[in-house]
Amino acid sequence: MNYRDFDHLVAQARSIRRFKADIPVSTEVLRDLIDLTRFTPSSRNLQPLKYIPVNEPDAREGLFTCLSWAGALKDWSGPSETERPGGYIVILGDTTIRSSFSCDHGITAQTIQLGARARGLGCCIIASVNRDRFRELFDLDEQYEILLVLALGIPAEEVRIEPLHDDGNIDYWRDDEGIHHVPKRPLEEVIVKEFTD
């Protein structure tokens, strides 16, 4: 893969919040995406992260009830029944290995999102999780900290990157056609100082 191909992959790996619910993500694909994480950097190489792949219909429905969607879209309560994810990967931290997880789960979440996009899937990384409800529904042992949930599936929406508005508003929004728009800061704004040739 050359840099331009990778650049395109990163630009296309947007947060997707509406999926084709009737197309589940296969167990093989979920396991392949989790397998990618074994090769990601880990603080002190402790590898404390564990995963739960979910694609069974009742488990998918239960997990969906533990999630909050798109805080910036005040008039949208989340995907309809026909737009829900076809699968999930739950990222856990094993506290018997380490008590805090540094940035490991961010690295693995991004890796899974890129892998999903390379397979034609959409992904939404969700941190707003009702952890008590999840723990009860999935009978999760206390040794595991629930870090992130990745919603996965065939995208049922278009996402467009937009230049940052003149007023500096970074809130994403949907137009009348349902296209999801995401403002991004320009390169000049994110570079604070430059010591280059």
C-alpha atoms as a PDB file:
ATOM      1  CA  MET A   1       0.000   0.000   0.000  1.00  0.00           C
ATOM      2  CA  ASN A   2       1.328   3.433  -0.854  1.00  0.00           C
ATOM      3  CA  TYR A   3       0.810   6.583   1.196  1.00  0.00           C
ATOM      4  CA  ARG A   4      -2.005   7.921  -1.007  1.00  0.00           C
ATOM      5  CA  ASP A   5      -3.971   4.681  -0.600  1.00  0.00           C
ATOM      6  CA  PHE A   6      -3.524   4.873   3.155  1.00  0.00           C
ATOM      7  CA  ASP A   7      -4.481   8.565   3.192  1.00  0.00           C
ATOM      8  CA  HIS A   8      -7.674   7.684   1.318  1.00  0.00           C
ATOM      9  CA  LEU A   9      -8.447   4.839   3.749  1.00  0.00           C
ATOM     10  CA  VAL A  10      -8.077   7.146   6.768  1.00  0.00           C
ATOM     11  CA  ALA A  11     -10.256   9.844   5.158  1.00  0.00           C
ATOM     12  CA  GLN A  12     -12.963   7.255   4.389  1.00  0.00           C
ATOM     13  CA  ALA A  13     -12.943   5.716   7.895  1.00  0.00           C
ATOM     14  CA  ARG A  14     -15.595   8.083   9.250  1.00  0.00           C
ATOM     15  CA  SER A  15     -17.897   7.427  12.190  1.00  0.00           C
ATOM     16  CA  ILE A  16     -20.973   5.700  10.781  1.00  0.00           C
ATOM     17  CA  ARG A  17     -24.145   5.729  12.886  1.00  0.00           C
ATOM     18  CA  ARG A  18     -26.696   4.212  10.492  1.00  0.00           C
ATOM     19  CA  PHE A  19     -26.237   0.701   9.137  1.00  0.00           C
ATOM     20  CA  LYS A  20     -28.095  -1.929   7.117  1.00  0.00           C
ATOM     21  CA  ALA A  21     -29.425  -3.865  10.111  1.00  0.00           C
ATOM     22  CA  ASP A  22     -30.524  -6.856   8.032  1.00  0.00           C
ATOM     23  CA  ILE A  23     -26.900  -7.677   7.129  1.00  0.00           C
ATOM     24  CA  PRO A  24     -25.037  -9.073  10.151  1.00  0.00           C
ATOM     25  CA  VAL A  25     -21.258  -8.862  10.437  1.00  0.00           C
ATOM     26  CA  SER A  26     -19.962 -12.431  10.329  1.00  0.00           C
ATOM     27  CA  THR A  27     -18.132 -14.034  13.216  1.00  0.00           C
ATOM     28  CA  GLU A  28     -15.151 -14.542  10.905  1.00  0.00           C
ATOM     29  CA  VAL A  29     -14.938 -10.820  10.142  1.00  0.00           C
ATOM     30  CA  LEU A  30     -15.286  -9.852  13.818  1.00  0.00           C
ATOM     31  CA  ARG A  31     -12.524 -12.287  14.768  1.00  0.00           C
ATOM     32  CA  ASP A  32     -10.297 -11.057  11.900  1.00  0.00           C
ATOM     33  CA  LEU A  33     -10.695  -7.455  13.086  1.00  0.00           C
ATOM     34  CA  ILE A  34      -9.852  -8.436  16.652  1.00  0.00           C
ATOM     35  CA  ASP A  35      -6.850 -10.377  15.356  1.00  0.00           C
ATOM     36  CA  LEU A  36      -5.470  -7.131  13.871  1.00  0.00           C
ATOM     37  CA  THR A  37      -5.172  -5.716  17.389  1.00  0.00           C
ATOM     38  CA  ARG A  38      -2.624  -8.323  18.428  1.00  0.00           C
ATOM     39  CA  PHE A  39      -0.056  -6.457  16.309  1.00  0.00           C
ATOM     40  CA  THR A  40      -0.736  -2.943  17.620  1.00  0.00           C
ATOM     41  CA  PRO A  41       1.574  -1.140  20.053  1.00  0.00           C
ATOM     42  CA  SER A  42       0.857  -1.695  23.747  1.00  0.00           C
ATOM     43  CA  SER A  43       2.317   0.227  26.676  1.00  0.00           C
ATOM     44  CA  ARG A  44       5.169  -1.872  28.134  1.00  0.00           C
ATOM     45  CA  ASN A  45       3.896  -4.623  25.781  1.00  0.00           C
ATOM     46  CA  LEU A  46       1.556  -5.775  28.561  1.00  0.00           C
ATOM     47  CA  GLN A  47      -1.300  -6.396  26.103  1.00  0.00           C
ATOM     48  CA  PRO A  48      -4.025  -5.964  28.747  1.00  0.00           C
ATOM     49  CA  LEU A  49      -6.933  -5.574  26.336  1.00  0.00           C
ATOM     50  CA  LYS A  50      -9.559  -8.262  25.774  1.00  0.00           C
ATOM     51  CA  TYR A  51     -12.556  -8.297  23.446  1.00  0.00           C
ATOM     52  CA  ILE A  52     -16.126  -9.515  23.109  1.00  0.00           C
ATOM     53  CA  PRO A  53     -17.392  -9.972  19.539  1.00  0.00           C
ATOM     54  CA  VAL A  54     -21.186  -9.704  19.269  1.00  0.00           C
ATOM     55  CA  ASN A  55     -23.373 -10.602  16.287  1.00  0.00           C
ATOM     56  CA  GLU A  56     -26.083 -12.882  17.738  1.00  0.00           C
ATOM     57  CA  PRO A  57     -29.421 -11.012  17.265  1.00  0.00           C
ATOM     58  CA  ASP A  58     -30.606 -10.985  20.902  1.00  0.00           C
ATOM     59  CA  ALA A  59     -27.155  -9.980  22.150  1.00  0.00           C
ATOM     60  CA  ARG A  60     -26.978  -7.221  19.521  1.00  0.00           C
ATOM     61  CA  GLU A  61     -30.341  -5.880  20.677  1.00  0.00           C
ATOM     62  CA  GLY A  62     -29.299  -6.007  24.326  1.00  0.00           C
ATOM     63  CA  LEU A  63     -26.028  -4.222  23.625  1.00  0.00           C
ATOM     64  CA  PHE A  64     -27.805  -1.556  21.595  1.00  0.00           C
ATOM     65  CA  THR A  65     -29.845  -0.617  24.693  1.00  0.00           C
ATOM     66  CA  CYS A  66     -26.585   0.120  26.561  1.00  0.00           C
ATOM     67  CA  LEU A  67     -25.395   2.782  24.098  1.00  0.00           C
ATOM     68  CA  SER A  68     -25.925   6.510  23.574  1.00  0.00           C
ATOM     69  CA  TRP A  69     -25.648   7.855  20.031  1.00  0.00           C
ATOM     70  CA  ALA A  70     -24.551  11.181  18.480  1.00  0.00           C
ATOM     71  CA  GLY A  71     -24.742  13.727  21.287  1.00  0.00           C
ATOM     72  CA  ALA A  72     -24.533  16.665  18.853  1.00  0.00           C
ATOM     73  CA  LEU A  73     -27.724  15.563  17.061  1.00  0.00           C
ATOM     74  CA  LYS A  74     -30.186  16.713  19.740  1.00  0.00           C
ATOM     75  CA  ASP A  75     -33.311  15.652  17.821  1.00  0.00           C
ATOM     76  CA  TRP A  76     -32.060  12.122  16.995  1.00  0.00           C
ATOM     77  CA  SER A  77     -32.299   9.298  19.513  1.00  0.00           C
ATOM     78  CA  GLY A  78     -30.152   6.863  17.550  1.00  0.00           C
ATOM     79  CA  PRO A  79     -30.491   4.370  14.717  1.00  0.00           C
ATOM     80  CA  SER A  80     -33.960   3.017  13.933  1.00  0.00           C
ATOM     81  CA  GLU A  81     -34.508  -0.759  14.041  1.00  0.00           C
ATOM     82  CA  THR A  82     -33.618  -1.023  10.348  1.00  0.00           C
ATOM     83  CA  GLU A  83     -30.433   1.060  10.825  1.00  0.00           C
ATOM     84  CA  ARG A  84     -28.801  -0.713  13.755  1.00  0.00           C
ATOM     85  CA  PRO A  85     -25.316  -2.251  13.650  1.00  0.00           C
ATOM     86  CA  GLY A  86     -24.790  -5.728  12.242  1.00  0.00           C
ATOM     87  CA  GLY A  87     -22.205  -6.486  14.910  1.00  0.00           C
ATOM     88  CA  TYR A  88     -20.090  -5.084  17.683  1.00  0.00           C
ATOM     89  CA  ILE A  89     -16.675  -5.439  19.240  1.00  0.00           C
ATOM     90  CA  VAL A  90     -16.458  -4.545  22.918  1.00  0.00           C
ATOM     91  CA  ILE A  91     -12.987  -3.519  24.118  1.00  0.00           C
ATOM     92  CA  LEU A  92     -12.219  -4.470  27.711  1.00  0.00           C
ATOM     93  CA  GLY A  93      -9.276  -3.826  29.999  1.00  0.00           C
ATOM     94  CA  ASP A  94      -8.152  -6.784  32.080  1.00  0.00           C
ATOM     95  CA  THR A  95      -7.370  -5.328  35.517  1.00  0.00           C
ATOM     96  CA  THR A  96      -5.492  -8.477  36.532  1.00  0.00           C
ATOM     97  CA  ILE A  97      -2.840  -7.403  34.000  1.00  0.00           C
ATOM     98  CA  ARG A  98      -2.934  -3.635  34.519  1.00  0.00           C
ATOM     99  CA  SER A  99      -5.081  -1.167  36.456  1.00  0.00           C
ATOM    100  CA  SER A 100      -5.044   1.560  33.770  1.00  0.00           C
ATOM    101  CA  PHE A 101      -4.863   1.165  30.028  1.00  0.00           C
ATOM    102  CA  SER A 102      -3.026   4.242  28.771  1.00  0.00           C
ATOM    103  CA  CYS A 103      -3.894   4.849  25.112  1.00  0.00           C
ATOM    104  CA  ASP A 104      -3.911   1.168  24.153  1.00  0.00           C
ATOM    105  CA  HIS A 105      -7.668   1.017  23.559  1.00  0.00           C
ATOM    106  CA  GLY A 106      -7.565   4.130  21.349  1.00  0.00           C
ATOM    107  CA  ILE A 107      -4.880   2.541  19.198  1.00  0.00           C
ATOM    108  CA  THR A 108      -6.788  -0.733  18.854  1.00  0.00           C
ATOM    109  CA  ALA A 109     -10.121   1.011  18.212  1.00  0.00           C
ATOM    110  CA  GLN A 110      -8.603   2.999  15.342  1.00  0.00           C
ATOM    111  CA  THR A 111      -6.972  -0.137  13.969  1.00  0.00           C
ATOM    112  CA  ILE A 112     -10.306  -1.961  13.994  1.00  0.00           C
ATOM    113  CA  GLN A 113     -12.021   1.021  12.360  1.00  0.00           C
ATOM    114  CA  LEU A 114      -9.435   1.110   9.560  1.00  0.00           C
ATOM    115  CA  GLY A 115      -9.681  -2.663   9.106  1.00  0.00           C
ATOM    116  CA  ALA A 116     -13.468  -2.425   8.970  1.00  0.00           C
ATOM    117  CA  ARG A 117     -13.314   0.311   6.336  1.00  0.00           C
ATOM    118  CA  ALA A 118     -10.858  -1.751   4.266  1.00  0.00           C
ATOM    119  CA  ARG A 119     -13.519  -4.505   4.278  1.00  0.00           C
ATOM    120  CA  GLY A 120     -16.262  -2.091   3.168  1.00  0.00           C
ATOM    121  CA  LEU A 121     -17.779  -1.778   6.640  1.00  0.00           C
ATOM    122  CA  GLY A 122     -18.607   1.287   8.665  1.00  0.00           C
ATOM    123  CA  CYS A 123     -17.662   1.722  12.308  1.00  0.00           C
ATOM    124  CA  CYS A 124     -18.601   3.982  15.182  1.00  0.00           C
ATOM    125  CA  ILE A 125     -16.373   4.083  18.275  1.00  0.00           C
ATOM    126  CA  ILE A 126     -18.641   4.607  21.278  1.00  0.00           C
ATOM    127  CA  ALA A 127     -17.524   5.559  24.780  1.00  0.00           C
ATOM    128  CA  SER A 128     -20.992   6.521  26.049  1.00  0.00           C
ATOM    129  CA  VAL A 129     -21.975   3.122  27.448  1.00  0.00           C
ATOM    130  CA  ASN A 130     -24.258   2.175  30.338  1.00  0.00           C
ATOM    131  CA  ARG A 131     -21.577  -0.011  31.869  1.00  0.00           C
ATOM    132  CA  ASP A 132     -23.664  -1.321  34.757  1.00  0.00           C
ATOM    133  CA  ARG A 133     -26.393  -2.478  32.376  1.00  0.00           C
ATOM    134  CA  PHE A 134     -23.838  -4.042  30.034  1.00  0.00           C
ATOM    135  CA  ARG A 135     -22.130  -5.893  32.880  1.00  0.00           C
ATOM    136  CA  GLU A 136     -25.472  -7.299  34.042  1.00  0.00           C
ATOM    137  CA  LEU A 137     -26.763  -8.278  30.579  1.00  0.00           C
ATOM    138  CA  PHE A 138     -23.530  -9.981  29.558  1.00  0.00           C
ATOM    139  CA  ASP A 139     -22.636 -11.407  32.990  1.00  0.00           C
ATOM    140  CA  LEU A 140     -19.207  -9.758  32.805  1.00  0.00           C
ATOM    141  CA  ASP A 141     -16.683 -10.494  35.533  1.00  0.00           C
ATOM    142  CA  GLU A 142     -15.533  -7.523  37.625  1.00  0.00           C
ATOM    143  CA  GLN A 143     -11.916  -7.982  36.507  1.00  0.00           C
ATOM    144  CA  TYR A 144     -12.819  -6.450  33.135  1.00  0.00           C
ATOM    145  CA  GLU A 145     -13.205  -2.702  32.696  1.00  0.00           C
ATOM    146  CA  ILE A 146     -15.523  -1.777  29.822  1.00  0.00           C
ATOM    147  CA  LEU A 147     -13.535   0.732  27.755  1.00  0.00           C
ATOM    148  CA  LEU A 148     -15.195   1.156  24.347  1.00  0.00           C
ATOM    149  CA  VAL A 149     -17.844  -0.386  22.116  1.00  0.00           C
ATOM    150  CA  LEU A 150     -17.327  -0.451  18.351  1.00  0.00           C
ATOM    151  CA  ALA A 151     -20.526  -0.626  16.318  1.00  0.00           C
ATOM    152  CA  LEU A 152     -19.967  -2.221  12.919  1.00  0.00           C
ATOM    153  CA  GLY A 153     -21.933  -2.901   9.758  1.00  0.00           C
ATOM    154  CA  ILE A 154     -22.674  -2.020   6.169  1.00  0.00           C
ATOM    155  CA  PRO A 155     -23.078   1.787   6.052  1.00  0.00           C
ATOM    156  CA  ALA A 156     -26.568   3.128   5.379  1.00  0.00           C
ATOM    157  CA  GLU A 157     -25.552   6.783   5.333  1.00  0.00           C
ATOM    158  CA  GLU A 158     -23.205   9.139   3.545  1.00  0.00           C
ATOM    159  CA  VAL A 159     -20.677  11.123   5.583  1.00  0.00           C
ATOM    160  CA  ARG A 160     -18.953  14.208   4.185  1.00  0.00           C
ATOM    161  CA  ILE A 161     -15.974  16.064   5.603  1.00  0.00           C
ATOM    162  CA  GLU A 162     -16.464  19.842   5.611  1.00  0.00           C
ATOM    163  CA  PRO A 163     -14.105  22.754   6.283  1.00  0.00           C
ATOM    164  CA  LEU A 164     -14.525  24.231   9.754  1.00  0.00           C
ATOM    165  CA  HIS A 165     -17.221  26.919   9.839  1.00  0.00           C
ATOM    166  CA  ASP A 166     -16.136  30.551  10.167  1.00  0.00           C
ATOM    167  CA  ASP A 167     -17.661  30.643  13.655  1.00  0.00           C
ATOM    168  CA  GLY A 168     -15.445  27.726  14.746  1.00  0.00           C
ATOM    169  CA  ASN A 169     -18.424  25.418  15.390  1.00  0.00           C
ATOM    170  CA  ILE A 170     -17.230  21.794  15.310  1.00  0.00           C
ATOM    171  CA  ASP A 171     -20.680  20.165  15.742  1.00  0.00           C
ATOM    172  CA  TYR A 172     -21.547  17.603  13.104  1.00  0.00           C
ATOM    173  CA  TRP A 173     -24.982  17.851  11.478  1.00  0.00           C
ATOM    174  CA  ARG A 174     -27.344  16.287   8.944  1.00  0.00           C
ATOM    175  CA  ASP A 175     -28.877  18.070   6.004  1.00  0.00           C
ATOM    176  CA  ASP A 176     -32.420  17.648   4.631  1.00  0.00           C
ATOM    177  CA  GLU A 177     -31.270  14.668   2.546  1.00  0.00           C
ATOM    178  CA  GLY A 178     -29.874  12.872   5.608  1.00  0.00           C
ATOM    179  CA  ILE A 179     -26.224  13.392   4.621  1.00  0.00           C
ATOM    180  CA  HIS A 180     -24.024  13.588   7.717  1.00  0.00           C
ATOM    181  CA  HIS A 181     -21.568  16.529   7.646  1.00  0.00           C
ATOM    182  CA  VAL A 182     -18.455  16.636   9.844  1.00  0.00           C
ATOM    183  CA  PRO A 183     -16.438  19.884  10.132  1.00  0.00           C
ATOM    184  CA  LYS A 184     -12.672  19.399  10.476  1.00  0.00           C
ATOM    185  CA  ARG A 185     -10.037  21.906  11.517  1.00  0.00           C
ATOM    186  CA  PRO A 186      -7.495  22.848   8.801  1.00  0.00           C
ATOM    187  CA  LEU A 187      -3.883  21.640   8.997  1.00  0.00           C
ATOM    188  CA  GLU A 188      -2.678  25.194   9.684  1.00  0.00           C
ATOM    189  CA  GLU A 189      -4.772  25.317  12.861  1.00  0.00           C
ATOM    190  CA  VAL A 190      -3.618  21.990  14.311  1.00  0.00           C
ATOM    191  CA  ILE A 191       0.111  22.708  13.893  1.00  0.00           C
ATOM    192  CA  VAL A 192       1.089  24.922  16.846  1.00  0.00           C
ATOM    193  CA  LYS A 193       4.740  25.549  15.923  1.00  0.00           C
ATOM    194  CA  GLU A 194       6.939  24.278  13.169  1.00  0.00           C
ATOM    195  CA  PHE A 195      10.681  23.630  13.322  1.00  0.00           C
ATOM    196  CA  THR A 196      11.253  22.250   9.839  1.00  0.00           C
ATOM    197  CA  ASP A 197      13.526  22.813   6.839  1.00  0.00           C
END
